[in-house]
Amino acid sequence: MFDRSTAALLRRAFGPLVRRGHLSVRLPDGQTLAFGDGGQPRAGIRFTDRRAVWALLRDPDLQFGELFMQGRLQVEEGTVYDVLELFLRDAKDVQPGPFVRLLDRWRMALRPLLQRNRPSRSRANVAHHYDLDDRLYRLFLDSDRQYSCAYFEHGDEDLEAAQLAKKRHIAAKLLVEPGQRVLDIGCGWGGLSRYLAEVAGAGHVSGVTLSTEQLEAAQRLGAASPASAGLDYRLEDYRDTQGPFERIVSVGMFEHVGRGNHDAFFQQCRELLTEDGVMLLHFIGNSDVPDFNNPWIEKYIFPGGSLPSLSECTPAIERAGLVVTDIEVLRLHYARTLRLWRERFMARRDEALALYDERFCRMWEFYLSMSETAFRYQDIAIFQIQLARRQEAVPLTRNYIEERKAALRAREAALSG
């Protein structure tokens, strides 16, 4: 029989977390523990060895994902998303144990070291995730390869429509005028840059990235664009970029800057903006107090990453002499985006397995599942901050956003026709 004290510790750890739904936990000796009220969702896990149980109890933030990747924690009913949902949807009301609290304090203390993203380290961190085989991203992203939160105007759009709406929403907030020079910091595969040139009418868009894989694709797709003469992509750190630009946009890149570089980032953006320039910063952030990055995400997915709170980045904005002209919080848009990505990835999992291996596929499934539950049940959201050097650079009310989106829709229809 499995050690009764260990089973008791599992009951003490899981019981307060899983109050709704049903979770069965099968131990290495075959004994099964049950948690919840018997409702939905229903999920079941099995530990293959006793050390796996102790590892999870000791450090759940890191070990849950590691044990799932190793096959030592197996999902026997439902999906790993269902298991994470059962654990996380009521977790905010549960105080972690003393050892986990001690680990949290230690990780918070290590945060400045882990986020010391100097240029060479930034390049290595970007390569870790974004220089994976490009065919992997084609499995689950939209056709334009937007690897950031989509924008669901109605809530039931498909991924293609929601990603197009995201580009339109950002372009409207940027107030792009014909002929203007635009900088896209962290341009990815270049989809937003192409939209700004082709649809919004920007005169010249410079995209900078630290990913060689993304750069190659952005240059190739940019060369085939009808606005190719106005597109320029470079392998370049934002700290080395030369201006000026009337508009700056950055989507999904600020998470890789690190808190210690916030001042340098915003000061550089101010230097690059013209006097009447406008910037739109779109990033994943913490809507609660500052916190450390999830250790599993840090180790396996985004080394050097951070999810800054507004209280951390707005002081740097102020010190740089920039004016915050608008802040929008997109709360559940990314949860919906991640759900669609996960469904698409799982539908083509065999193709991912042919590119990598079983451990990688488990890692990717856990990454997409954990990220979705974080946006649904934890204090994670998307922030869009509009910035300017002068407050007069932006209209006094937000009416212009919908007006410009209507004009952009008309332009999209004209181009597609």
Protein backbone atom coordinates (compact mmCIF):
# COMPACT_ATOMS: atom_id res chain seq x y z
CA MET A 1 0.00 0.00 0.00
CA PHE A 2 1.26 3.49 -0.87
CA ASP A 3 2.60 5.46 2.10
CA ARG A 4 -0.46 6.81 3.96
CA SER A 5 1.35 9.99 4.91
CA THR A 6 2.05 10.73 1.24
CA ALA A 7 -1.59 10.15 0.33
CA ALA A 8 -2.57 12.46 3.17
CA LEU A 9 -0.24 15.16 1.85
CA LEU A 10 -1.85 14.85 -1.59
CA ARG A 11 -5.29 15.23 -0.05
CA ARG A 12 -4.12 18.29 1.86
CA ALA A 13 -2.57 19.83 -1.27
CA PHE A 14 -5.26 18.96 -3.85
CA GLY A 15 -8.40 19.13 -1.70
CA PRO A 16 -8.57 22.95 -1.31
CA LEU A 17 -7.75 23.45 -5.01
CA VAL A 18 -10.20 21.02 -6.59
CA ARG A 19 -13.57 21.89 -5.08
CA ARG A 20 -15.62 21.83 -8.29
CA GLY A 21 -15.53 19.19 -11.01
CA HIS A 22 -13.90 15.80 -10.55
CA LEU A 23 -10.25 14.76 -10.43
CA SER A 24 -9.10 11.20 -9.85
CA VAL A 25 -5.48 10.60 -8.90
CA ARG A 26 -4.07 7.09 -9.29
CA LEU A 27 -0.99 6.39 -7.22
CA PRO A 28 1.89 4.07 -8.14
CA ASP A 29 0.46 1.21 -6.05
CA GLY A 30 -2.94 1.43 -7.78
CA GLN A 31 -4.73 3.31 -5.00
CA THR A 32 -7.03 6.06 -6.32
CA LEU A 33 -7.88 9.35 -4.63
CA ALA A 34 -10.86 11.46 -5.71
CA PHE A 35 -11.30 15.23 -5.44
CA GLY A 36 -14.11 17.68 -6.23
CA ASP A 37 -17.91 17.61 -6.21
CA GLY A 38 -18.34 15.21 -9.12
CA GLY A 39 -19.23 17.89 -11.64
CA GLN A 40 -17.43 19.10 -14.77
CA PRO A 41 -14.79 19.01 -16.01
CA ARG A 42 -13.74 15.46 -15.23
CA ALA A 43 -10.11 14.45 -15.44
CA GLY A 44 -7.82 11.74 -14.16
CA ILE A 45 -4.06 11.53 -13.70
CA ARG A 46 -1.68 8.74 -12.77
CA PHE A 47 1.75 8.95 -11.15
CA THR A 48 4.11 6.28 -12.45
CA ASP A 49 6.52 6.42 -9.49
CA ARG A 50 6.62 7.63 -5.91
CA ARG A 51 9.37 10.20 -6.57
CA ALA A 52 7.07 11.90 -9.09
CA VAL A 53 4.50 12.50 -6.35
CA TRP A 54 7.08 14.06 -4.07
CA ALA A 55 8.48 16.18 -6.89
CA LEU A 56 5.05 17.66 -7.61
CA LEU A 57 4.34 18.36 -3.95
CA ARG A 58 7.73 20.01 -3.50
CA ASP A 59 7.63 22.35 -6.53
CA PRO A 60 4.33 22.25 -8.44
CA ASP A 61 5.07 25.31 -10.61
CA LEU A 62 8.07 23.61 -12.21
CA GLN A 63 7.42 19.93 -11.75
CA PHE A 64 3.88 19.61 -13.14
CA GLY A 65 5.09 20.41 -16.64
CA GLU A 66 8.32 18.44 -16.29
CA LEU A 67 6.56 15.30 -15.05
CA PHE A 68 4.00 15.54 -17.87
CA MET A 69 6.80 15.92 -20.43
CA GLN A 70 8.63 12.91 -18.97
CA GLY A 71 5.50 10.73 -18.94
CA ARG A 72 5.73 10.28 -15.16
CA LEU A 73 2.45 12.14 -14.69
CA GLN A 74 0.01 10.72 -17.20
CA VAL A 75 -3.45 12.01 -18.06
CA GLU A 76 -5.85 9.05 -18.12
CA GLU A 77 -9.13 10.95 -18.42
CA GLY A 78 -9.74 14.26 -20.16
CA THR A 79 -6.79 16.42 -21.25
CA VAL A 80 -3.96 18.16 -19.48
CA TYR A 81 -5.93 21.38 -20.00
CA ASP A 82 -8.81 19.87 -17.99
CA VAL A 83 -6.40 18.97 -15.19
CA LEU A 84 -4.92 22.47 -15.13
CA GLU A 85 -8.38 24.01 -15.13
CA LEU A 86 -9.37 21.94 -12.09
CA PHE A 87 -6.25 23.05 -10.24
CA LEU A 88 -6.22 26.72 -11.22
CA ARG A 89 -9.76 28.02 -11.44
CA ASP A 90 -10.10 28.35 -7.65
CA ALA A 91 -6.38 28.58 -6.83
CA LYS A 92 -6.46 32.32 -6.06
CA ASP A 93 -8.42 31.54 -2.90
CA VAL A 94 -5.86 29.01 -1.64
CA GLN A 95 -2.72 29.90 0.30
CA PRO A 96 0.29 27.80 -0.82
CA GLY A 97 2.24 25.81 1.72
CA PRO A 98 5.27 27.19 3.57
CA PHE A 99 7.86 25.49 1.35
CA VAL A 100 6.21 26.75 -1.85
CA ARG A 101 6.04 30.26 -0.35
CA LEU A 102 9.77 30.05 0.39
CA LEU A 103 10.43 28.97 -3.22
CA ASP A 104 8.35 31.89 -4.46
CA ARG A 105 10.40 34.37 -2.44
CA TRP A 106 13.62 32.86 -3.78
CA ARG A 107 12.36 33.08 -7.36
CA MET A 108 11.31 36.67 -6.85
CA ALA A 109 14.82 37.47 -5.63
CA LEU A 110 16.33 35.78 -8.72
CA ARG A 111 14.10 37.77 -11.08
CA PRO A 112 16.60 40.57 -11.86
CA LEU A 113 19.31 38.05 -12.72
CA LEU A 114 17.07 35.96 -14.99
CA GLN A 115 15.86 39.08 -16.82
CA ARG A 116 19.29 40.59 -17.45
CA ASN A 117 18.70 40.69 -21.20
CA ARG A 118 21.85 42.18 -22.64
CA PRO A 119 22.10 42.09 -26.45
CA SER A 120 23.94 38.75 -26.73
CA ARG A 121 21.68 37.09 -24.19
CA SER A 122 18.58 38.52 -25.84
CA ARG A 123 19.64 36.96 -29.14
CA ALA A 124 20.12 33.54 -27.49
CA ASN A 125 16.78 33.76 -25.68
CA VAL A 126 14.95 34.63 -28.88
CA ALA A 127 16.62 31.78 -30.77
CA HIS A 128 15.51 29.30 -28.09
CA HIS A 129 11.86 29.75 -29.05
CA TYR A 130 11.47 31.65 -32.30
CA ASP A 131 14.15 29.86 -34.30
CA LEU A 132 12.37 26.51 -34.09
CA ASP A 133 11.46 24.82 -37.36
CA ASP A 134 9.18 27.21 -39.20
CA ARG A 135 6.92 24.31 -40.15
CA LEU A 136 5.93 23.97 -36.49
CA TYR A 137 4.31 27.40 -36.41
CA ARG A 138 2.46 26.72 -39.65
CA LEU A 139 0.63 23.89 -37.87
CA PHE A 140 -1.40 26.15 -35.59
CA LEU A 141 -1.03 29.83 -36.52
CA ASP A 142 -3.21 31.68 -39.00
CA SER A 143 -2.08 32.05 -42.61
CA ASP A 144 -0.37 35.37 -41.81
CA ARG A 145 1.46 33.76 -38.86
CA GLN A 146 0.36 36.17 -36.17
CA TYR A 147 1.97 34.77 -33.00
CA SER A 148 0.22 37.12 -30.59
CA CYS A 149 -3.22 37.72 -29.10
CA ALA A 150 -6.05 37.96 -31.62
CA TYR A 151 -8.91 40.45 -31.26
CA PHE A 152 -12.43 39.01 -31.04
CA GLU A 153 -14.94 41.74 -31.84
CA HIS A 154 -17.90 39.35 -31.43
CA GLY A 155 -16.36 36.37 -29.63
CA ASP A 156 -17.16 33.66 -32.16
CA GLU A 157 -14.83 34.59 -35.04
CA ASP A 158 -12.43 32.08 -36.47
CA LEU A 159 -8.69 32.62 -36.03
CA GLU A 160 -8.16 34.24 -39.43
CA ALA A 161 -10.86 36.87 -38.86
CA ALA A 162 -9.74 37.61 -35.30
CA GLN A 163 -6.10 38.08 -36.29
CA LEU A 164 -7.08 40.40 -39.12
CA ALA A 165 -9.20 42.36 -36.62
CA LYS A 166 -6.16 42.63 -34.33
CA LYS A 167 -4.05 44.19 -37.09
CA ARG A 168 -6.89 46.54 -37.96
CA HIS A 169 -7.37 47.56 -34.31
CA ILE A 170 -3.67 48.30 -33.87
CA ALA A 171 -3.42 50.21 -37.15
CA ALA A 172 -6.37 52.39 -36.16
CA LYS A 173 -4.80 53.23 -32.81
CA LEU A 174 -1.49 54.03 -34.48
CA LEU A 175 -3.19 56.74 -36.56
CA VAL A 176 -1.04 55.85 -39.56
CA GLU A 177 -1.11 58.50 -42.27
CA PRO A 178 -0.08 57.94 -45.92
CA GLY A 179 3.66 58.16 -46.46
CA GLN A 180 4.67 57.93 -42.80
CA ARG A 181 7.71 56.00 -41.57
CA VAL A 182 6.84 53.19 -39.16
CA LEU A 183 9.08 51.03 -36.96
CA ASP A 184 7.88 47.53 -35.98
CA ILE A 185 9.98 46.34 -33.00
CA GLY A 186 9.90 42.55 -32.85
CA CYS A 187 8.24 42.20 -36.24
CA GLY A 188 7.89 38.41 -36.23
CA TRP A 189 7.04 37.05 -39.67
CA GLY A 190 6.13 40.54 -40.86
CA GLY A 191 2.35 40.24 -41.07
CA LEU A 192 1.56 43.46 -39.22
CA SER A 193 4.24 45.36 -41.14
CA ARG A 194 2.74 44.25 -44.43
CA TYR A 195 -0.74 45.29 -43.27
CA LEU A 196 0.50 48.74 -42.30
CA ALA A 197 2.12 49.19 -45.71
CA GLU A 198 -0.51 47.54 -47.90
CA VAL A 199 -3.73 48.59 -46.15
CA ALA A 200 -2.97 51.47 -43.78
CA GLY A 201 -0.85 53.28 -46.37
CA ALA A 202 2.41 53.70 -44.47
CA GLY A 203 5.16 54.98 -46.73
CA HIS A 204 7.93 52.86 -45.26
CA VAL A 205 7.87 50.16 -42.57
CA SER A 206 11.07 48.90 -40.95
CA GLY A 207 10.78 45.61 -39.08
CA VAL A 208 13.49 44.53 -36.65
CA THR A 209 13.83 41.09 -35.08
CA LEU A 210 16.43 38.90 -33.40
CA SER A 211 15.12 35.68 -34.96
CA THR A 212 16.92 34.50 -38.08
CA GLU A 213 14.03 32.16 -38.97
CA GLN A 214 11.47 34.94 -38.73
CA LEU A 215 13.69 37.37 -40.60
CA GLU A 216 14.06 35.00 -43.55
CA ALA A 217 10.29 34.53 -43.78
CA ALA A 218 9.54 38.25 -43.33
CA GLN A 219 11.97 39.19 -46.10
CA ARG A 220 10.60 36.53 -48.44
CA LEU A 221 6.96 37.43 -47.82
CA GLY A 222 7.77 41.14 -47.93
CA ALA A 223 9.40 40.77 -51.34
CA ALA A 224 6.16 39.27 -52.68
CA SER A 225 4.02 42.10 -51.25
CA PRO A 226 2.55 44.76 -53.56
CA ALA A 227 4.09 47.24 -51.10
CA SER A 228 7.52 45.59 -51.19
CA ALA A 229 9.30 48.87 -51.99
CA GLY A 230 8.20 50.23 -48.63
CA LEU A 231 9.17 47.21 -46.51
CA ASP A 232 12.53 46.68 -44.86
CA TYR A 233 13.41 43.85 -42.43
CA ARG A 234 16.61 43.60 -40.43
CA LEU A 235 18.24 41.34 -37.84
CA GLU A 236 18.71 44.12 -35.31
CA ASP A 237 18.43 44.81 -31.60
CA TYR A 238 16.07 47.72 -30.87
CA ARG A 239 18.92 49.38 -28.97
CA ASP A 240 20.82 49.74 -32.26
CA THR A 241 17.97 51.08 -34.40
CA GLN A 242 18.31 54.53 -35.94
CA GLY A 243 15.34 56.84 -36.52
CA PRO A 244 13.35 58.93 -36.74
CA PHE A 245 9.87 57.41 -37.21
CA GLU A 246 6.43 58.99 -37.13
CA ARG A 247 4.96 55.77 -35.74
CA ILE A 248 6.33 52.88 -33.65
CA VAL A 249 4.54 49.62 -32.94
CA SER A 250 5.66 46.67 -30.85
CA VAL A 251 3.55 43.55 -30.40
CA GLY A 252 4.61 40.70 -28.11
CA MET A 253 8.21 41.86 -27.76
CA PHE A 254 8.17 43.90 -24.53
CA GLU A 255 7.85 40.64 -22.54
CA HIS A 256 11.47 39.91 -23.59
CA VAL A 257 12.93 43.25 -22.51
CA GLY A 258 13.24 42.56 -18.77
CA ARG A 259 12.47 44.95 -15.95
CA GLY A 260 16.07 46.16 -15.71
CA ASN A 261 15.89 47.39 -19.32
CA HIS A 262 12.55 49.23 -19.16
CA ASP A 263 14.22 52.63 -18.93
CA ALA A 264 16.51 51.91 -21.88
CA PHE A 265 13.59 50.63 -23.96
CA PHE A 266 11.32 53.64 -23.46
CA GLN A 267 14.13 56.17 -23.72
CA GLN A 268 15.14 54.62 -27.04
CA CYS A 269 11.54 54.72 -28.26
CA ARG A 270 11.29 58.39 -27.35
CA GLU A 271 14.52 59.14 -29.23
CA LEU A 272 13.23 57.30 -32.29
CA LEU A 273 9.83 59.06 -32.35
CA THR A 274 9.32 62.34 -34.14
CA GLU A 275 7.97 65.23 -32.09
CA ASP A 276 4.38 64.47 -33.16
CA GLY A 277 4.90 60.69 -33.23
CA VAL A 278 2.63 57.98 -31.80
CA MET A 279 3.55 54.55 -30.44
CA LEU A 280 1.40 51.48 -29.68
CA LEU A 281 2.83 48.90 -27.26
CA HIS A 282 1.00 45.55 -27.05
CA PHE A 283 2.24 43.07 -24.44
CA ILE A 284 1.31 40.34 -21.98
CA GLY A 285 1.30 41.68 -18.46
CA ASN A 286 0.36 40.97 -14.90
CA SER A 287 -2.85 42.69 -13.78
CA ASP A 288 -1.91 42.07 -10.15
CA VAL A 289 1.21 43.02 -8.20
CA PRO A 290 4.63 42.32 -9.78
CA ASP A 291 5.57 38.65 -9.79
CA PHE A 292 8.23 36.27 -11.09
CA ASN A 293 7.92 34.42 -14.38
CA ASN A 294 6.55 30.89 -14.20
CA PRO A 295 9.65 28.68 -13.70
CA TRP A 296 8.56 26.04 -16.21
CA ILE A 297 7.94 28.71 -18.87
CA GLU A 298 11.29 30.29 -17.98
CA LYS A 299 13.17 27.00 -18.36
CA TYR A 300 11.52 25.49 -21.42
CA ILE A 301 9.67 28.17 -23.42
CA PHE A 302 10.72 31.80 -22.87
CA PRO A 303 14.03 32.14 -21.02
CA GLY A 304 14.60 35.68 -19.83
CA GLY A 305 10.92 36.54 -20.25
CA SER A 306 8.78 38.63 -17.93
CA LEU A 307 5.15 39.66 -17.54
CA PRO A 308 5.40 43.23 -16.23
CA SER A 309 2.69 44.88 -14.19
CA LEU A 310 1.57 48.36 -15.13
CA SER A 311 3.12 49.56 -11.88
CA GLU A 312 6.51 48.41 -13.19
CA CYS A 313 6.46 49.86 -16.70
CA THR A 314 4.59 53.15 -16.27
CA PRO A 315 7.33 54.74 -14.09
CA ALA A 316 9.85 54.03 -16.87
CA ILE A 317 7.47 55.59 -19.41
CA GLU A 318 7.25 58.71 -17.25
CA ARG A 319 11.02 58.91 -16.77
CA ALA A 320 11.50 58.68 -20.53
CA GLY A 321 9.32 61.74 -21.06
CA LEU A 322 6.59 59.90 -22.95
CA VAL A 323 2.89 60.60 -22.44
CA VAL A 324 0.39 57.77 -21.91
CA THR A 325 -2.53 58.69 -24.16
CA ASP A 326 -4.55 55.48 -23.95
CA ILE A 327 -4.53 52.11 -22.16
CA GLU A 328 -6.75 49.20 -23.16
CA VAL A 329 -6.88 45.84 -21.37
CA LEU A 330 -7.76 42.81 -23.49
CA ARG A 331 -8.71 40.30 -20.81
CA LEU A 332 -9.98 37.04 -22.32
CA HIS A 333 -8.99 37.58 -25.95
CA TYR A 334 -5.76 35.63 -25.50
CA ALA A 335 -7.53 32.75 -23.73
CA ARG A 336 -9.70 32.37 -26.83
CA THR A 337 -6.65 32.69 -29.11
CA LEU A 338 -4.77 30.00 -27.19
CA ARG A 339 -7.79 27.69 -27.27
CA LEU A 340 -7.85 27.91 -31.07
CA TRP A 341 -4.07 27.41 -31.30
CA ARG A 342 -4.24 24.37 -29.02
CA GLU A 343 -7.08 22.79 -30.99
CA ARG A 344 -5.22 23.31 -34.25
CA PHE A 345 -1.96 21.98 -32.81
CA MET A 346 -3.60 18.86 -31.37
CA ALA A 347 -5.40 18.22 -34.67
CA ARG A 348 -1.99 18.12 -36.40
CA ARG A 349 0.04 16.65 -33.55
CA ASP A 350 1.33 13.81 -35.74
CA GLU A 351 3.00 16.37 -38.00
CA ALA A 352 4.68 18.00 -35.00
CA LEU A 353 5.83 14.56 -33.88
CA ALA A 354 7.43 14.02 -37.29
CA LEU A 355 9.36 17.28 -36.85
CA TYR A 356 10.48 16.69 -33.25
CA ASP A 357 9.62 13.93 -30.74
CA GLU A 358 7.02 12.86 -28.19
CA ARG A 359 8.60 14.85 -25.36
CA PHE A 360 8.50 18.01 -27.48
CA CYS A 361 4.83 17.46 -28.35
CA ARG A 362 3.94 17.04 -24.69
CA MET A 363 5.90 20.19 -23.89
CA TRP A 364 4.02 22.17 -26.54
CA GLU A 365 0.64 20.82 -25.45
CA PHE A 366 1.41 21.78 -21.86
CA TYR A 367 2.63 25.24 -22.90
CA LEU A 368 -0.54 26.04 -24.83
CA SER A 369 -2.79 24.54 -22.14
CA MET A 370 -1.08 26.27 -19.23
CA SER A 371 -1.03 29.59 -21.04
CA GLU A 372 -4.76 29.41 -21.72
CA THR A 373 -5.60 28.60 -18.10
CA ALA A 374 -3.36 31.48 -16.96
CA PHE A 375 -5.38 33.95 -19.05
CA ARG A 376 -8.69 32.45 -17.90
CA TYR A 377 -8.05 32.00 -14.20
CA GLN A 378 -4.98 33.97 -13.16
CA ASP A 379 -4.02 37.65 -13.23
CA ILE A 380 -2.65 37.70 -16.78
CA ALA A 381 -3.94 40.03 -19.49
CA ILE A 382 -2.95 41.89 -22.64
CA PHE A 383 -2.19 45.59 -22.29
CA GLN A 384 -2.21 48.00 -25.21
CA ILE A 385 -0.58 51.27 -24.23
CA GLN A 386 -0.64 54.19 -26.64
CA LEU A 387 2.22 56.65 -26.16
CA ALA A 388 3.25 59.98 -27.61
CA ARG A 389 5.82 62.70 -27.06
CA ARG A 390 3.07 65.33 -27.04
CA GLN A 391 -0.47 64.80 -25.76
CA GLU A 392 -1.84 66.78 -28.73
CA ALA A 393 -0.65 64.06 -31.12
CA VAL A 394 -3.77 61.97 -30.43
CA PRO A 395 -7.45 63.00 -30.71
CA LEU A 396 -9.25 63.93 -27.49
CA THR A 397 -11.78 61.09 -27.68
CA ARG A 398 -11.59 57.46 -28.80
CA ASN A 399 -14.15 57.93 -31.59
CA TYR A 400 -11.37 57.98 -34.16
CA ILE A 401 -10.60 54.27 -33.54
CA GLU A 402 -13.89 52.97 -34.94
CA GLU A 403 -13.86 55.59 -37.70
CA ARG A 404 -10.41 54.47 -38.81
CA LYS A 405 -11.31 50.80 -38.52
CA ALA A 406 -14.26 51.38 -40.86
CA ALA A 407 -11.93 53.02 -43.38
CA LEU A 408 -9.46 50.15 -43.06
CA ARG A 409 -12.22 47.59 -43.63
CA ALA A 410 -13.20 49.41 -46.81
CA ARG A 411 -9.59 49.38 -47.95
CA GLU A 412 -9.31 45.64 -47.20
CA ALA A 413 -12.40 44.97 -49.27
CA ALA A 414 -11.09 47.06 -52.15
CA LEU A 415 -7.76 45.24 -52.14
CA SER A 416 -9.33 41.79 -51.95
CA GLY A 417 -11.75 42.60 -54.72
